[in-house]
PDB file of N, CA and C in Angstrom:
ATOM      1  N   MET A   1      -2.184  -7.552 -24.633  1.00  0.00           N
ATOM      2  CA  MET A   1      -3.023  -8.274 -23.848  1.00  0.00           C
ATOM      3  C   MET A   1      -4.201  -7.412 -23.267  1.00  0.00           C
ATOM      4  N   ASN A   2      -5.330  -7.973 -23.570  1.00  0.00           N
ATOM      5  CA  ASN A   2      -6.463  -7.262 -22.914  1.00  0.00           C
ATOM      6  C   ASN A   2      -6.835  -7.584 -21.592  1.00  0.00           C
ATOM      7  N   TYR A   3      -6.812  -6.734 -20.643  1.00  0.00           N
ATOM      8  CA  TYR A   3      -7.171  -6.976 -19.230  1.00  0.00           C
ATOM      9  C   TYR A   3      -8.710  -6.746 -19.037  1.00  0.00           C
ATOM     10  N   PRO A   4      -9.501  -7.724 -18.411  1.00  0.00           N
ATOM     11  CA  PRO A   4     -10.905  -7.240 -18.128  1.00  0.00           C
ATOM     12  C   PRO A   4     -10.999  -6.091 -16.917  1.00  0.00           C
ATOM     13  N   VAL A   5     -12.131  -5.438 -17.214  1.00  0.00           N
ATOM     14  CA  VAL A   5     -12.228  -4.298 -16.241  1.00  0.00           C
ATOM     15  C   VAL A   5     -12.067  -4.708 -14.708  1.00  0.00           C
ATOM     16  N   ALA A   6     -12.576  -5.947 -14.376  1.00  0.00           N
ATOM     17  CA  ALA A   6     -12.428  -6.355 -12.968  1.00  0.00           C
ATOM     18  C   ALA A   6     -10.977  -6.581 -12.690  1.00  0.00           C
ATOM     19  N   GLY A   7     -10.067  -7.063 -13.650  1.00  0.00           N
ATOM     20  CA  GLY A   7      -8.721  -7.163 -13.372  1.00  0.00           C
ATOM     21  C   GLY A   7      -8.133  -5.909 -13.054  1.00  0.00           C
ATOM     22  N   LYS A   8      -8.429  -4.881 -13.923  1.00  0.00           N
ATOM     23  CA  LYS A   8      -7.901  -3.508 -13.680  1.00  0.00           C
ATOM     24  C   LYS A   8      -8.311  -2.981 -12.314  1.00  0.00           C
ATOM     25  N   ALA A   9      -9.479  -3.018 -11.839  1.00  0.00           N
ATOM     26  CA  ALA A   9      -9.902  -2.753 -10.534  1.00  0.00           C
ATOM     27  C   ALA A   9      -9.181  -3.430  -9.500  1.00  0.00           C
ATOM     28  N   PHE A  10      -8.976  -4.669  -9.616  1.00  0.00           N
ATOM     29  CA  PHE A  10      -8.263  -5.544  -8.739  1.00  0.00           C
ATOM     30  C   PHE A  10      -6.934  -5.014  -8.557  1.00  0.00           C
ATOM     31  N   TRP A  11      -6.244  -4.812  -9.686  1.00  0.00           N
ATOM     32  CA  TRP A  11      -4.741  -4.272  -9.490  1.00  0.00           C
ATOM     33  C   TRP A  11      -4.746  -2.867  -8.922  1.00  0.00           C
ATOM     34  N   LEU A  12      -5.813  -2.062  -9.331  1.00  0.00           N
ATOM     35  CA  LEU A  12      -5.744  -0.605  -8.743  1.00  0.00           C
ATOM     36  C   LEU A  12      -5.920  -0.697  -7.283  1.00  0.00           C
ATOM     37  N   GLY A  13      -6.816  -1.696  -6.866  1.00  0.00           N
ATOM     38  CA  GLY A  13      -7.148  -1.833  -5.298  1.00  0.00           C
ATOM     39  C   GLY A  13      -5.818  -2.187  -4.524  1.00  0.00           C
ATOM     40  N   ILE A  14      -4.993  -3.077  -5.172  1.00  0.00           N
ATOM     41  CA  ILE A  14      -3.699  -3.603  -4.620  1.00  0.00           C
ATOM     42  C   ILE A  14      -2.739  -2.464  -4.496  1.00  0.00           C
ATOM     43  N   PHE A  15      -2.611  -1.675  -5.607  1.00  0.00           N
ATOM     44  CA  PHE A  15      -1.763  -0.612  -5.569  1.00  0.00           C
ATOM     45  C   PHE A  15      -2.163   0.476  -4.548  1.00  0.00           C
ATOM     46  N   ASN A  16      -3.438   0.754  -4.561  1.00  0.00           N
ATOM     47  CA  ASN A  16      -4.004   1.834  -3.586  1.00  0.00           C
ATOM     48  C   ASN A  16      -3.687   1.451  -2.127  1.00  0.00           C
ATOM     49  N   ALA A  17      -3.940   0.072  -1.892  1.00  0.00           N
ATOM     50  CA  ALA A  17      -3.652  -0.401  -0.564  1.00  0.00           C
ATOM     51  C   ALA A  17      -2.194  -0.308  -0.141  1.00  0.00           C
ATOM     52  N   ALA A  18      -1.316  -0.672  -1.068  1.00  0.00           N
ATOM     53  CA  ALA A  18       0.131  -0.627  -0.854  1.00  0.00           C
ATOM     54  C   ALA A  18       0.503   0.843  -0.530  1.00  0.00           C
ATOM     55  N   PHE A  19      -0.129   1.705  -1.335  1.00  0.00           N
ATOM     56  CA  PHE A  19       0.352   3.259  -1.351  1.00  0.00           C
ATOM     57  C   PHE A  19      -0.101   3.838   0.097  1.00  0.00           C
ATOM     58  N   LEU A  20      -1.286   3.303   0.443  1.00  0.00           N
ATOM     59  CA  LEU A  20      -1.895   3.878   1.753  1.00  0.00           C
ATOM     60  C   LEU A  20      -1.076   3.243   3.011  1.00  0.00           C
ATOM     61  N   SER A  21      -0.635   1.985   2.771  1.00  0.00           N
ATOM     62  CA  SER A  21       0.102   1.258   3.821  1.00  0.00           C
ATOM     63  C   SER A  21       1.383   1.919   4.129  1.00  0.00           C
ATOM     64  N   VAL A  22       2.023   2.529   2.916  1.00  0.00           N
ATOM     65  CA  VAL A  22       3.410   2.859   3.264  1.00  0.00           C
ATOM     66  C   VAL A  22       3.580   3.923   4.309  1.00  0.00           C
ATOM     67  N   PRO A  23       2.775   5.052   4.461  1.00  0.00           N
ATOM     68  CA  PRO A  23       2.872   5.974   5.593  1.00  0.00           C
ATOM     69  C   PRO A  23       2.779   5.217   6.819  1.00  0.00           C
ATOM     70  N   LEU A  24       1.801   4.297   6.982  1.00  0.00           N
ATOM     71  CA  LEU A  24       1.625   3.578   8.271  1.00  0.00           C
ATOM     72  C   LEU A  24       2.980   2.795   8.650  1.00  0.00           C
ATOM     73  N   TRP A  25       3.600   2.221   7.631  1.00  0.00           N
ATOM     74  CA  TRP A  25       4.885   1.407   8.045  1.00  0.00           C
ATOM     75  C   TRP A  25       5.915   2.495   8.506  1.00  0.00           C
ATOM     76  N   LEU A  26       5.873   3.701   7.787  1.00  0.00           N
ATOM     77  CA  LEU A  26       6.985   4.714   8.025  1.00  0.00           C
ATOM     78  C   LEU A  26       6.754   5.202   9.464  1.00  0.00           C
ATOM     79  N   LEU A  27       5.379   5.625   9.855  1.00  0.00           N
ATOM     80  CA  LEU A  27       5.102   5.970  11.206  1.00  0.00           C
ATOM     81  C   LEU A  27       5.517   4.904  12.387  1.00  0.00           C
ATOM     82  N   PHE A  28       5.246   3.653  11.952  1.00  0.00           N
ATOM     83  CA  PHE A  28       5.616   2.498  12.899  1.00  0.00           C
ATOM     84  C   PHE A  28       6.997   2.545  13.023  1.00  0.00           C
ATOM     85  N   TYR A  29       7.839   2.566  11.970  1.00  0.00           N
ATOM     86  CA  TYR A  29       9.262   2.473  12.058  1.00  0.00           C
ATOM     87  C   TYR A  29       9.877   3.651  12.812  1.00  0.00           C
ATOM     88  N   LEU A  30       9.323   4.915  12.463  1.00  0.00           N
ATOM     89  CA  LEU A  30       9.765   5.966  13.303  1.00  0.00           C
ATOM     90  C   LEU A  30       9.427   5.863  14.649  1.00  0.00           C
ATOM     91  N   SER A  31       8.340   5.411  15.009  1.00  0.00           N
ATOM     92  CA  SER A  31       7.837   5.320  16.447  1.00  0.00           C
ATOM     93  C   SER A  31       8.790   4.516  17.163  1.00  0.00           C
ATOM     94  N   LEU A  32       9.173   3.297  16.497  1.00  0.00           N
ATOM     95  CA  LEU A  32      10.191   2.188  17.060  1.00  0.00           C
ATOM     96  C   LEU A  32      11.548   2.798  17.291  1.00  0.00           C
ATOM     97  N   ARG A  33      11.974   3.684  16.240  1.00  0.00           N
ATOM     98  CA  ARG A  33      13.245   4.401  16.352  1.00  0.00           C
ATOM     99  C   ARG A  33      13.308   5.270  17.668  1.00  0.00           C
ATOM    100  N   LEU A  34      12.184   6.044  17.835  1.00  0.00           N
ATOM    101  CA  LEU A  34      12.169   7.055  18.900  1.00  0.00           C
ATOM    102  C   LEU A  34      12.145   6.320  20.303  1.00  0.00           C
ATOM    103  N   MET A  35      11.558   5.128  20.293  1.00  0.00           N
ATOM    104  CA  MET A  35      11.374   4.236  21.549  1.00  0.00           C
ATOM    105  C   MET A  35      12.721   3.724  21.897  1.00  0.00           C
ATOM    106  N   PHE A  36      13.453   3.281  21.000  1.00  0.00           N
ATOM    107  CA  PHE A  36      14.728   2.458  21.183  1.00  0.00           C
ATOM    108  C   PHE A  36      15.874   3.152  20.791  1.00  0.00           C
TER     109      PHE A  36
END
């Protein structure tokens, strides 16, 4: 299956956003654990 370049950029953007959001979720979880 041939994906268009726009499709590749779209999926790369989603993966980059998910990869960047993981540390934020970890910090949020750790801060909640420290508070409670």
